[in-house]
C-alpha atoms as a PDB file:
ATOM      1  CA  MET A   1       0.011   0.006   0.000  1.00  0.00           C
ATOM      2  CA  ALA A   2       1.274   3.458  -0.911  1.00  0.00           C
ATOM      3  CA  SER A   3       2.234   5.728   1.965  1.00  0.00           C
ATOM      4  CA  GLU A   4       0.119   8.859   2.587  1.00  0.00           C
ATOM      5  CA  ALA A   5       2.977  10.950   1.388  1.00  0.00           C
ATOM      6  CA  LEU A   6       3.162   9.081  -1.917  1.00  0.00           C
ATOM      7  CA  GLU A   7      -0.628   9.268  -2.404  1.00  0.00           C
ATOM      8  CA  THR A   8      -0.418  12.972  -1.856  1.00  0.00           C
ATOM      9  CA  THR A   9       2.381  13.328  -4.350  1.00  0.00           C
ATOM     10  CA  ILE A  10       0.463  11.333  -6.965  1.00  0.00           C
ATOM     11  CA  ALA A  11      -2.577  13.481  -6.460  1.00  0.00           C
ATOM     12  CA  MET A  12      -0.520  16.563  -6.845  1.00  0.00           C
ATOM     13  CA  LEU A  13       1.036  15.274 -10.080  1.00  0.00           C
ATOM     14  CA  ARG A  14      -2.402  14.596 -11.481  1.00  0.00           C
ATOM     15  CA  GLU A  15      -3.316  18.228 -11.032  1.00  0.00           C
ATOM     16  CA  LEU A  16      -0.326  19.465 -13.012  1.00  0.00           C
ATOM     17  CA  THR A  17      -0.391  20.304 -16.716  1.00  0.00           C
ATOM     18  CA  LEU A  18       1.128  17.475 -18.694  1.00  0.00           C
ATOM     19  CA  LEU A  19       4.094  18.120 -20.935  1.00  0.00           C
ATOM     20  CA  THR A  20       3.241  18.977 -24.500  1.00  0.00           C
ATOM     21  CA  GLY A  21       6.172  17.490 -26.452  1.00  0.00           C
ATOM     22  CA  ASP A  22       7.372  20.879 -27.521  1.00  0.00           C
ATOM     23  CA  PRO A  23      10.849  21.365 -25.910  1.00  0.00           C
ATOM     24  CA  VAL A  24      10.630  25.149 -25.952  1.00  0.00           C
ATOM     25  CA  ALA A  25       7.084  25.280 -24.395  1.00  0.00           C
ATOM     26  CA  ASP A  26       7.974  22.502 -21.867  1.00  0.00           C
ATOM     27  CA  ARG A  27      11.148  24.176 -20.746  1.00  0.00           C
ATOM     28  CA  GLU A  28       9.144  27.259 -19.839  1.00  0.00           C
ATOM     29  CA  MET A  29       7.093  25.069 -17.528  1.00  0.00           C
ATOM     30  CA  ILE A  30      10.080  23.188 -15.941  1.00  0.00           C
ATOM     31  CA  SER A  31      13.226  25.087 -15.045  1.00  0.00           C
ATOM     32  CA  THR A  32      16.423  23.560 -16.410  1.00  0.00           C
ATOM     33  CA  GLY A  33      18.865  25.966 -14.921  1.00  0.00           C
ATOM     34  CA  THR A  34      22.282  25.108 -13.674  1.00  0.00           C
ATOM     35  CA  GLU A  35      21.812  26.749 -10.223  1.00  0.00           C
ATOM     36  CA  MET A  36      21.804  24.169  -7.442  1.00  0.00           C
ATOM     37  CA  PRO A  37      18.917  24.140  -4.947  1.00  0.00           C
ATOM     38  CA  ALA A  38      19.684  26.297  -1.894  1.00  0.00           C
ATOM     39  CA  GLY A  39      21.541  24.851   1.008  1.00  0.00           C
ATOM     40  CA  ILE A  40      23.549  22.106  -0.708  1.00  0.00           C
ATOM     41  CA  PRO A  41      27.348  22.471  -0.363  1.00  0.00           C
ATOM     42  CA  HIS A  42      28.937  22.033  -3.769  1.00  0.00           C
ATOM     43  CA  GLU A  43      31.418  23.328  -6.289  1.00  0.00           C
ATOM     44  CA  MET A  44      30.533  24.436  -9.704  1.00  0.00           C
ATOM     45  CA  VAL A  45      32.922  22.950 -12.219  1.00  0.00           C
ATOM     46  CA  THR A  46      33.287  22.556 -16.009  1.00  0.00           C
ATOM     47  CA  VAL A  47      33.248  19.339 -17.859  1.00  0.00           C
ATOM     48  CA  ALA A  48      33.925  19.496 -21.570  1.00  0.00           C
ATOM     49  CA  ASP A  49      32.436  23.036 -21.657  1.00  0.00           C
ATOM     50  CA  ARG A  50      29.404  21.916 -19.677  1.00  0.00           C
ATOM     51  CA  ALA A  51      28.465  22.932 -16.247  1.00  0.00           C
ATOM     52  CA  ALA A  52      28.423  20.393 -13.489  1.00  0.00           C
ATOM     53  CA  ALA A  53      27.825  20.362  -9.753  1.00  0.00           C
ATOM     54  CA  TRP A  54      30.570  18.553  -7.747  1.00  0.00           C
ATOM     55  CA  ILE A  55      29.119  17.466  -4.397  1.00  0.00           C
ATOM     56  CA  THR A  56      31.821  16.317  -1.973  1.00  0.00           C
ATOM     57  CA  ASP A  57      30.647  17.631   1.367  1.00  0.00           C
ATOM     58  CA  GLY A  58      31.738  14.950   3.968  1.00  0.00           C
ATOM     59  CA  ALA A  59      31.958  12.377   1.114  1.00  0.00           C
ATOM     60  CA  ARG A  60      34.738  10.083  -0.040  1.00  0.00           C
ATOM     61  CA  GLU A  61      36.706  11.696  -2.883  1.00  0.00           C
ATOM     62  CA  ASP A  62      38.378   8.510  -4.075  1.00  0.00           C
ATOM     63  CA  ALA A  63      35.047   7.199  -5.381  1.00  0.00           C
ATOM     64  CA  ALA A  64      32.202   8.993  -7.125  1.00  0.00           C
ATOM     65  CA  ILE A  65      28.866   8.845  -8.785  1.00  0.00           C
ATOM     66  CA  LEU A  66      28.373  10.418 -12.145  1.00  0.00           C
ATOM     67  CA  TYR A  67      24.723  11.459 -12.165  1.00  0.00           C
ATOM     68  CA  LEU A  68      22.797  11.879 -15.471  1.00  0.00           C
ATOM     69  CA  HIS A  69      19.522  13.652 -15.105  1.00  0.00           C
ATOM     70  CA  GLY A  70      16.185  12.860 -16.667  1.00  0.00           C
ATOM     71  CA  GLY A  71      13.965  15.043 -18.834  1.00  0.00           C
ATOM     72  CA  GLY A  72      13.541  13.240 -22.092  1.00  0.00           C
ATOM     73  CA  TYR A  73      16.860  14.536 -23.409  1.00  0.00           C
ATOM     74  CA  VAL A  74      15.278  17.927 -23.862  1.00  0.00           C
ATOM     75  CA  LEU A  75      14.663  19.112 -20.293  1.00  0.00           C
ATOM     76  CA  GLY A  76      16.229  19.042 -16.843  1.00  0.00           C
ATOM     77  CA  GLY A  77      19.580  19.937 -15.373  1.00  0.00           C
ATOM     78  CA  ILE A  78      21.370  20.615 -12.170  1.00  0.00           C
ATOM     79  CA  GLY A  79      18.550  22.783 -10.943  1.00  0.00           C
ATOM     80  CA  THR A  80      16.007  19.952 -11.240  1.00  0.00           C
ATOM     81  CA  HIS A  81      18.233  17.100 -10.091  1.00  0.00           C
ATOM     82  CA  GLY A  82      20.935  18.594  -7.894  1.00  0.00           C
ATOM     83  CA  GLY A  83      18.857  17.805  -4.818  1.00  0.00           C
ATOM     84  CA  LEU A  84      18.590  14.118  -5.765  1.00  0.00           C
ATOM     85  CA  GLY A  85      22.336  14.111  -6.369  1.00  0.00           C
ATOM     86  CA  ALA A  86      22.930  15.405  -2.849  1.00  0.00           C
ATOM     87  CA  ARG A  87      20.689  12.852  -1.289  1.00  0.00           C
ATOM     88  CA  LEU A  88      22.587  10.103  -3.119  1.00  0.00           C
ATOM     89  CA  SER A  89      25.788  11.544  -1.832  1.00  0.00           C
ATOM     90  CA  ALA A  90      24.643  11.660   1.747  1.00  0.00           C
ATOM     91  CA  ALA A  91      23.279   8.076   1.534  1.00  0.00           C
ATOM     92  CA  THR A  92      26.264   6.506  -0.198  1.00  0.00           C
ATOM     93  CA  GLY A  93      29.005   8.561   1.277  1.00  0.00           C
ATOM     94  CA  LEU A  94      30.395   9.193  -2.258  1.00  0.00           C
ATOM     95  CA  SER A  95      31.048  12.333  -4.142  1.00  0.00           C
ATOM     96  CA  VAL A  96      28.508  13.065  -6.853  1.00  0.00           C
ATOM     97  CA  LEU A  97      29.044  14.883 -10.180  1.00  0.00           C
ATOM     98  CA  VAL A  98      25.673  16.080 -11.471  1.00  0.00           C
ATOM     99  CA  LEU A  99      26.238  16.825 -15.188  1.00  0.00           C
ATOM    100  CA  ASP A 100      24.323  19.431 -17.246  1.00  0.00           C
ATOM    101  CA  TYR A 101      24.802  17.500 -20.510  1.00  0.00           C
ATOM    102  CA  ARG A 102      23.724  19.041 -23.822  1.00  0.00           C
ATOM    103  CA  LEU A 103      19.994  18.872 -24.659  1.00  0.00           C
ATOM    104  CA  ALA A 104      17.964  18.306 -27.826  1.00  0.00           C
ATOM    105  CA  PRO A 105      16.810  19.497 -30.239  1.00  0.00           C
ATOM    106  CA  GLU A 106      19.760  21.925 -30.260  1.00  0.00           C
ATOM    107  CA  HIS A 107      22.104  19.064 -29.642  1.00  0.00           C
ATOM    108  CA  THR A 108      21.110  15.756 -31.034  1.00  0.00           C
ATOM    109  CA  TYR A 109      22.511  12.210 -30.501  1.00  0.00           C
ATOM    110  CA  PRO A 110      25.281  11.459 -29.634  1.00  0.00           C
ATOM    111  CA  ALA A 111      25.832  14.829 -27.840  1.00  0.00           C
ATOM    112  CA  ALA A 112      24.439  13.611 -24.488  1.00  0.00           C
ATOM    113  CA  LEU A 113      26.456  10.384 -24.709  1.00  0.00           C
ATOM    114  CA  ASP A 114      29.600  12.134 -25.574  1.00  0.00           C
ATOM    115  CA  ASP A 115      29.137  14.453 -22.534  1.00  0.00           C
ATOM    116  CA  ALA A 116      28.562  11.526 -20.289  1.00  0.00           C
ATOM    117  CA  LEU A 117      31.768   9.903 -21.381  1.00  0.00           C
ATOM    118  CA  ALA A 118      33.564  13.249 -20.872  1.00  0.00           C
ATOM    119  CA  GLY A 119      32.225  13.101 -17.299  1.00  0.00           C
ATOM    120  CA  ILE A 120      34.073   9.745 -16.769  1.00  0.00           C
ATOM    121  CA  THR A 121      37.234  11.348 -18.222  1.00  0.00           C
ATOM    122  CA  TRP A 122      36.857  14.344 -15.820  1.00  0.00           C
ATOM    123  CA  LEU A 123      36.561  12.048 -12.861  1.00  0.00           C
ATOM    124  CA  GLY A 124      39.595  10.108 -14.037  1.00  0.00           C
ATOM    125  CA  ASP A 125      41.607  13.338 -14.240  1.00  0.00           C
ATOM    126  CA  ARG A 126      40.658  13.973 -10.594  1.00  0.00           C
ATOM    127  CA  GLY A 127      42.406  10.723  -9.668  1.00  0.00           C
ATOM    128  CA  ILE A 128      39.349   8.574  -9.463  1.00  0.00           C
ATOM    129  CA  ASP A 129      39.907   5.060 -10.764  1.00  0.00           C
ATOM    130  CA  PRO A 130      37.152   3.881 -13.090  1.00  0.00           C
ATOM    131  CA  THR A 131      36.502   0.899 -10.788  1.00  0.00           C
ATOM    132  CA  LYS A 132      35.502   3.392  -8.136  1.00  0.00           C
ATOM    133  CA  ILE A 133      32.990   5.188 -10.342  1.00  0.00           C
ATOM    134  CA  VAL A 134      29.231   4.458 -10.375  1.00  0.00           C
ATOM    135  CA  VAL A 135      27.167   5.811 -13.360  1.00  0.00           C
ATOM    136  CA  ALA A 136      23.619   6.618 -12.355  1.00  0.00           C
ATOM    137  CA  GLY A 137      20.672   8.394 -13.893  1.00  0.00           C
ATOM    138  CA  ASP A 138      16.909   8.575 -14.109  1.00  0.00           C
ATOM    139  CA  SER A 139      14.458   8.364 -17.050  1.00  0.00           C
ATOM    140  CA  ALA A 140      16.350   9.557 -20.141  1.00  0.00           C
ATOM    141  CA  GLY A 141      19.360   9.787 -17.840  1.00  0.00           C
ATOM    142  CA  GLY A 142      18.710   6.104 -16.864  1.00  0.00           C
ATOM    143  CA  GLY A 143      18.779   5.091 -20.627  1.00  0.00           C
ATOM    144  CA  LEU A 144      21.902   7.342 -20.997  1.00  0.00           C
ATOM    145  CA  THR A 145      23.457   5.439 -18.043  1.00  0.00           C
ATOM    146  CA  LEU A 146      23.032   2.192 -19.861  1.00  0.00           C
ATOM    147  CA  ALA A 147      24.338   3.605 -23.147  1.00  0.00           C
ATOM    148  CA  THR A 148      27.295   4.960 -21.326  1.00  0.00           C
ATOM    149  CA  LEU A 149      28.094   1.588 -19.702  1.00  0.00           C
ATOM    150  CA  ALA A 150      27.895  -0.069 -23.142  1.00  0.00           C
ATOM    151  CA  ALA A 151      30.191   2.620 -24.722  1.00  0.00           C
ATOM    152  CA  LEU A 152      32.737   2.262 -21.857  1.00  0.00           C
ATOM    153  CA  ARG A 153      32.719  -1.544 -22.343  1.00  0.00           C
ATOM    154  CA  ASP A 154      33.370  -1.094 -26.080  1.00  0.00           C
ATOM    155  CA  ARG A 155      36.390   1.141 -25.046  1.00  0.00           C
ATOM    156  CA  GLY A 156      37.665  -1.528 -22.688  1.00  0.00           C
ATOM    157  CA  THR A 157      36.857   0.470 -19.545  1.00  0.00           C
ATOM    158  CA  THR A 158      35.128  -0.999 -16.593  1.00  0.00           C
ATOM    159  CA  VAL A 159      33.348   1.059 -13.958  1.00  0.00           C
ATOM    160  CA  ALA A 160      31.997  -0.181 -10.630  1.00  0.00           C
ATOM    161  CA  ALA A 161      28.338  -0.256 -11.369  1.00  0.00           C
ATOM    162  CA  GLY A 162      25.308   1.314 -12.980  1.00  0.00           C
ATOM    163  CA  VAL A 163      22.110   2.531 -11.342  1.00  0.00           C
ATOM    164  CA  ALA A 164      19.096   3.221 -13.593  1.00  0.00           C
ATOM    165  CA  LEU A 165      15.939   4.740 -12.158  1.00  0.00           C
ATOM    166  CA  SER A 166      12.870   4.186 -14.364  1.00  0.00           C
ATOM    167  CA  PRO A 167      15.235   4.136 -17.432  1.00  0.00           C
ATOM    168  CA  TRP A 168      14.054   5.175 -20.818  1.00  0.00           C
ATOM    169  CA  ALA A 169      15.914   2.318 -22.487  1.00  0.00           C
ATOM    170  CA  ASP A 170      13.897   2.008 -25.728  1.00  0.00           C
ATOM    171  CA  LEU A 171      13.209   5.178 -27.675  1.00  0.00           C
ATOM    172  CA  THR A 172      11.037   3.302 -30.139  1.00  0.00           C
ATOM    173  CA  CYS A 173       8.412   3.580 -27.494  1.00  0.00           C
ATOM    174  CA  THR A 174       6.881   0.249 -28.505  1.00  0.00           C
ATOM    175  CA  ASN A 175       7.007  -1.736 -25.209  1.00  0.00           C
ATOM    176  CA  PRO A 176       3.497  -2.702 -24.165  1.00  0.00           C
ATOM    177  CA  SER A 177       3.349  -0.602 -20.972  1.00  0.00           C
ATOM    178  CA  PHE A 178       3.779   2.435 -23.035  1.00  0.00           C
ATOM    179  CA  ASP A 179       0.102   2.121 -23.874  1.00  0.00           C
ATOM    180  CA  THR A 180      -1.321  -0.243 -21.196  1.00  0.00           C
ATOM    181  CA  ARG A 181      -0.148   2.036 -18.357  1.00  0.00           C
ATOM    182  CA  ALA A 182      -0.756   5.372 -19.937  1.00  0.00           C
ATOM    183  CA  ASP A 183      -3.939   5.864 -17.853  1.00  0.00           C
ATOM    184  CA  VAL A 184      -2.250   5.307 -14.507  1.00  0.00           C
ATOM    185  CA  ASP A 185       0.913   7.314 -15.198  1.00  0.00           C
ATOM    186  CA  PRO A 186       0.449  10.865 -13.808  1.00  0.00           C
ATOM    187  CA  LEU A 187       3.757  12.186 -14.941  1.00  0.00           C
ATOM    188  CA  VAL A 188       4.733  11.018 -18.404  1.00  0.00           C
ATOM    189  CA  ALA A 189       2.514  10.686 -21.494  1.00  0.00           C
ATOM    190  CA  PRO A 190       3.211   8.679 -24.647  1.00  0.00           C
ATOM    191  CA  GLY A 191       2.800  11.643 -27.186  1.00  0.00           C
ATOM    192  CA  PRO A 192       5.324  13.920 -25.674  1.00  0.00           C
ATOM    193  CA  LEU A 193       7.838  11.209 -25.074  1.00  0.00           C
ATOM    194  CA  ARG A 194       7.653  10.109 -28.707  1.00  0.00           C
ATOM    195  CA  ALA A 195       8.299  13.750 -29.752  1.00  0.00           C
ATOM    196  CA  TYR A 196      11.266  13.915 -27.366  1.00  0.00           C
ATOM    197  CA  ALA A 197      12.670  10.764 -28.956  1.00  0.00           C
ATOM    198  CA  GLU A 198      12.523  12.203 -32.415  1.00  0.00           C
ATOM    199  CA  ALA A 199      14.087  15.478 -31.195  1.00  0.00           C
ATOM    200  CA  TYR A 200      17.086  13.666 -29.576  1.00  0.00           C
ATOM    201  CA  ALA A 201      17.501  11.094 -32.396  1.00  0.00           C
ATOM    202  CA  GLY A 202      18.021  13.839 -35.032  1.00  0.00           C
ATOM    203  CA  GLY A 203      17.316  11.435 -37.910  1.00  0.00           C
ATOM    204  CA  VAL A 204      19.146   8.456 -36.429  1.00  0.00           C
ATOM    205  CA  ALA A 205      17.003   5.287 -36.381  1.00  0.00           C
ATOM    206  CA  LEU A 206      15.305   5.035 -33.005  1.00  0.00           C
ATOM    207  CA  ASP A 207      16.380   1.369 -32.518  1.00  0.00           C
ATOM    208  CA  ASP A 208      20.063   2.325 -32.743  1.00  0.00           C
ATOM    209  CA  PRO A 209      21.649   0.856 -29.576  1.00  0.00           C
ATOM    210  CA  GLY A 210      23.171   4.190 -28.686  1.00  0.00           C
ATOM    211  CA  LEU A 211      19.709   5.681 -28.424  1.00  0.00           C
ATOM    212  CA  SER A 212      17.896   2.505 -27.259  1.00  0.00           C
ATOM    213  CA  PRO A 213      20.447   0.552 -25.180  1.00  0.00           C
ATOM    214  CA  GLY A 214      17.715  -1.930 -24.099  1.00  0.00           C
ATOM    215  CA  ARG A 215      17.700  -3.138 -27.700  1.00  0.00           C
ATOM    216  CA  GLY A 216      21.421  -3.424 -27.918  1.00  0.00           C
ATOM    217  CA  ASP A 217      24.193  -5.697 -26.670  1.00  0.00           C
ATOM    218  CA  LEU A 218      24.037  -5.673 -22.880  1.00  0.00           C
ATOM    219  CA  SER A 219      26.783  -8.210 -22.253  1.00  0.00           C
ATOM    220  CA  GLY A 220      29.892  -7.377 -20.397  1.00  0.00           C
ATOM    221  CA  LEU A 221      28.394  -4.569 -18.266  1.00  0.00           C
ATOM    222  CA  PRO A 222      29.216  -3.988 -14.608  1.00  0.00           C
ATOM    223  CA  PRO A 223      26.541  -4.856 -12.007  1.00  0.00           C
ATOM    224  CA  VAL A 224      23.417  -2.826 -12.660  1.00  0.00           C
ATOM    225  CA  LEU A 225      20.603  -1.818 -10.271  1.00  0.00           C
ATOM    226  CA  ILE A 226      17.224  -0.897 -11.912  1.00  0.00           C
ATOM    227  CA  GLN A 227      14.390   0.651  -9.873  1.00  0.00           C
ATOM    228  CA  VAL A 228      10.999   1.223 -11.378  1.00  0.00           C
ATOM    229  CA  GLY A 229       7.439   2.245 -10.168  1.00  0.00           C
ATOM    230  CA  GLY A 230       4.454   0.217 -11.145  1.00  0.00           C
ATOM    231  CA  ASN A 231       2.411   3.183 -12.356  1.00  0.00           C
ATOM    232  CA  GLU A 232       4.472   4.378 -15.280  1.00  0.00           C
ATOM    233  CA  ILE A 233       4.550   3.875 -18.984  1.00  0.00           C
ATOM    234  CA  LEU A 234       8.257   2.973 -18.955  1.00  0.00           C
ATOM    235  CA  PHE A 235       7.647  -0.018 -16.626  1.00  0.00           C
ATOM    236  CA  ASP A 236       8.452  -2.543 -19.399  1.00  0.00           C
ATOM    237  CA  ASP A 237      11.649  -0.678 -20.368  1.00  0.00           C
ATOM    238  CA  SER A 238      13.005  -1.569 -16.912  1.00  0.00           C
ATOM    239  CA  VAL A 239      11.706  -5.174 -16.900  1.00  0.00           C
ATOM    240  CA  ARG A 240      12.883  -5.992 -20.436  1.00  0.00           C
ATOM    241  CA  THR A 241      16.302  -4.301 -19.887  1.00  0.00           C
ATOM    242  CA  ALA A 242      16.773  -6.404 -16.737  1.00  0.00           C
ATOM    243  CA  GLU A 243      15.863  -9.530 -18.544  1.00  0.00           C
ATOM    244  CA  ALA A 244      18.298  -8.683 -21.380  1.00  0.00           C
ATOM    245  CA  ILE A 245      21.176  -8.073 -18.986  1.00  0.00           C
ATOM    246  CA  GLU A 246      20.511 -11.370 -17.155  1.00  0.00           C
ATOM    247  CA  ALA A 247      20.153 -13.269 -20.533  1.00  0.00           C
ATOM    248  CA  ALA A 248      23.570 -11.835 -21.518  1.00  0.00           C
ATOM    249  CA  GLY A 249      25.118 -13.248 -18.427  1.00  0.00           C
ATOM    250  CA  GLY A 250      25.276 -10.019 -16.459  1.00  0.00           C
ATOM    251  CA  ARG A 251      24.519  -9.171 -12.871  1.00  0.00           C
ATOM    252  CA  VAL A 252      21.349  -7.141 -12.521  1.00  0.00           C
ATOM    253  CA  ALA A 253      18.907  -6.351  -9.681  1.00  0.00           C
ATOM    254  CA  LEU A 254      15.382  -5.180 -10.572  1.00  0.00           C
ATOM    255  CA  GLN A 255      13.472  -3.505  -7.707  1.00  0.00           C
ATOM    256  CA  ARG A 256       9.780  -2.575  -8.121  1.00  0.00           C
ATOM    257  CA  TRP A 257       7.601  -0.341  -6.034  1.00  0.00           C
ATOM    258  CA  ASP A 258       4.183  -1.264  -7.561  1.00  0.00           C
ATOM    259  CA  GLU A 259       2.315   1.734  -6.135  1.00  0.00           C
ATOM    260  CA  ALA A 260       4.956   4.264  -7.137  1.00  0.00           C
ATOM    261  CA  VAL A 261       5.302   6.475 -10.145  1.00  0.00           C
ATOM    262  CA  HIS A 262       8.009   7.521 -12.589  1.00  0.00           C
ATOM    263  CA  VAL A 263      11.253   8.486 -10.781  1.00  0.00           C
ATOM    264  CA  PHE A 264       9.575   8.545  -7.400  1.00  0.00           C
ATOM    265  CA  GLN A 265      12.940   8.855  -5.869  1.00  0.00           C
ATOM    266  CA  MET A 266      12.711  12.663  -6.722  1.00  0.00           C
ATOM    267  CA  PHE A 267       9.960  13.111  -4.119  1.00  0.00           C
ATOM    268  CA  HIS A 268      10.280  13.010  -0.315  1.00  0.00           C
ATOM    269  CA  THR A 269       8.262   9.912   0.601  1.00  0.00           C
ATOM    270  CA  PRO A 270       8.930   6.720   2.587  1.00  0.00           C
ATOM    271  CA  GLU A 271       9.138   4.875  -0.685  1.00  0.00           C
ATOM    272  CA  SER A 272      11.840   7.285  -1.937  1.00  0.00           C
ATOM    273  CA  ASP A 273      13.844   6.957   1.273  1.00  0.00           C
ATOM    274  CA  GLU A 274      13.673   3.205   1.030  1.00  0.00           C
ATOM    275  CA  ALA A 275      14.809   3.211  -2.653  1.00  0.00           C
ATOM    276  CA  ILE A 276      17.726   5.505  -1.949  1.00  0.00           C
ATOM    277  CA  ASP A 277      18.676   3.252   1.012  1.00  0.00           C
ATOM    278  CA  GLU A 278      18.628   0.272  -1.406  1.00  0.00           C
ATOM    279  CA  ILE A 279      20.903   2.239  -3.854  1.00  0.00           C
ATOM    280  CA  ALA A 280      23.321   2.911  -0.961  1.00  0.00           C
ATOM    281  CA  SER A 281      23.382  -0.741  -0.050  1.00  0.00           C
ATOM    282  CA  PHE A 282      24.003  -1.871  -3.697  1.00  0.00           C
ATOM    283  CA  VAL A 283      26.715   0.692  -4.255  1.00  0.00           C
ATOM    284  CA  GLY A 284      28.357   0.064  -0.877  1.00  0.00           C
ATOM    285  CA  GLY A 285      29.155  -3.455  -1.811  1.00  0.00           C
ATOM    286  CA  LEU A 286      30.923  -2.439  -5.027  1.00  0.00           C
ATOM    287  CA  VAL A 287      33.190   0.643  -4.347  1.00  0.00           C
END
């Protein structure tokens, strides 16, 4: 049963205006600025000409999380996800780099992936061994996490782990839950997400593994944790990705909160606290 706090959050989300699929209009509704939420100790740094928030307050600096925010590849940034990065830092005891990667439609694929890989290089230049780096992200950032892990594998680089929260792993938007759970998802709608997919792809086929890592080769990845809510259209992206990693011989943990919504970890609820504790437990055994 959902907590009272989660039920209140879901009710609030149902009252909000849904995204339209127009990046310009939707950015006016959702701030994507690079200013961190107030009260979070951090250092603003530059990663390959992109702004990033480096959260190290009381955290280990020999190990880190590279955090890739959600927003359909067209929205989001440090302003929307810096708070979640700080919570992850506090829970895991690791430094966190929240990266303001380039967004579509101004910057199409593979801009976001290139920026994520630059984040790994930046951490390495800070003296952090790749085996002490966790790549994490939510929604589009969760899909980007998986694409980054695959790209690193192809380069012969191994990181400690990946954490994908409600990952958008298939930009073809053809998994069954995209339609079957549309009526229960208060946050993400099929139409806008399809528009965002086209905006980021920039003419590249949507089933390209760099865009849709859930359709690609998922062998040889580090351990991956996937968390998903039951009331979201991207539910099957999580389930099918976990199945594919397992079928490829990888180590994967799929954690479900059946009453929760898309990227529920963003909201301050008991379910969110539990999920972040699970992330800390998973990461703690690997770095």
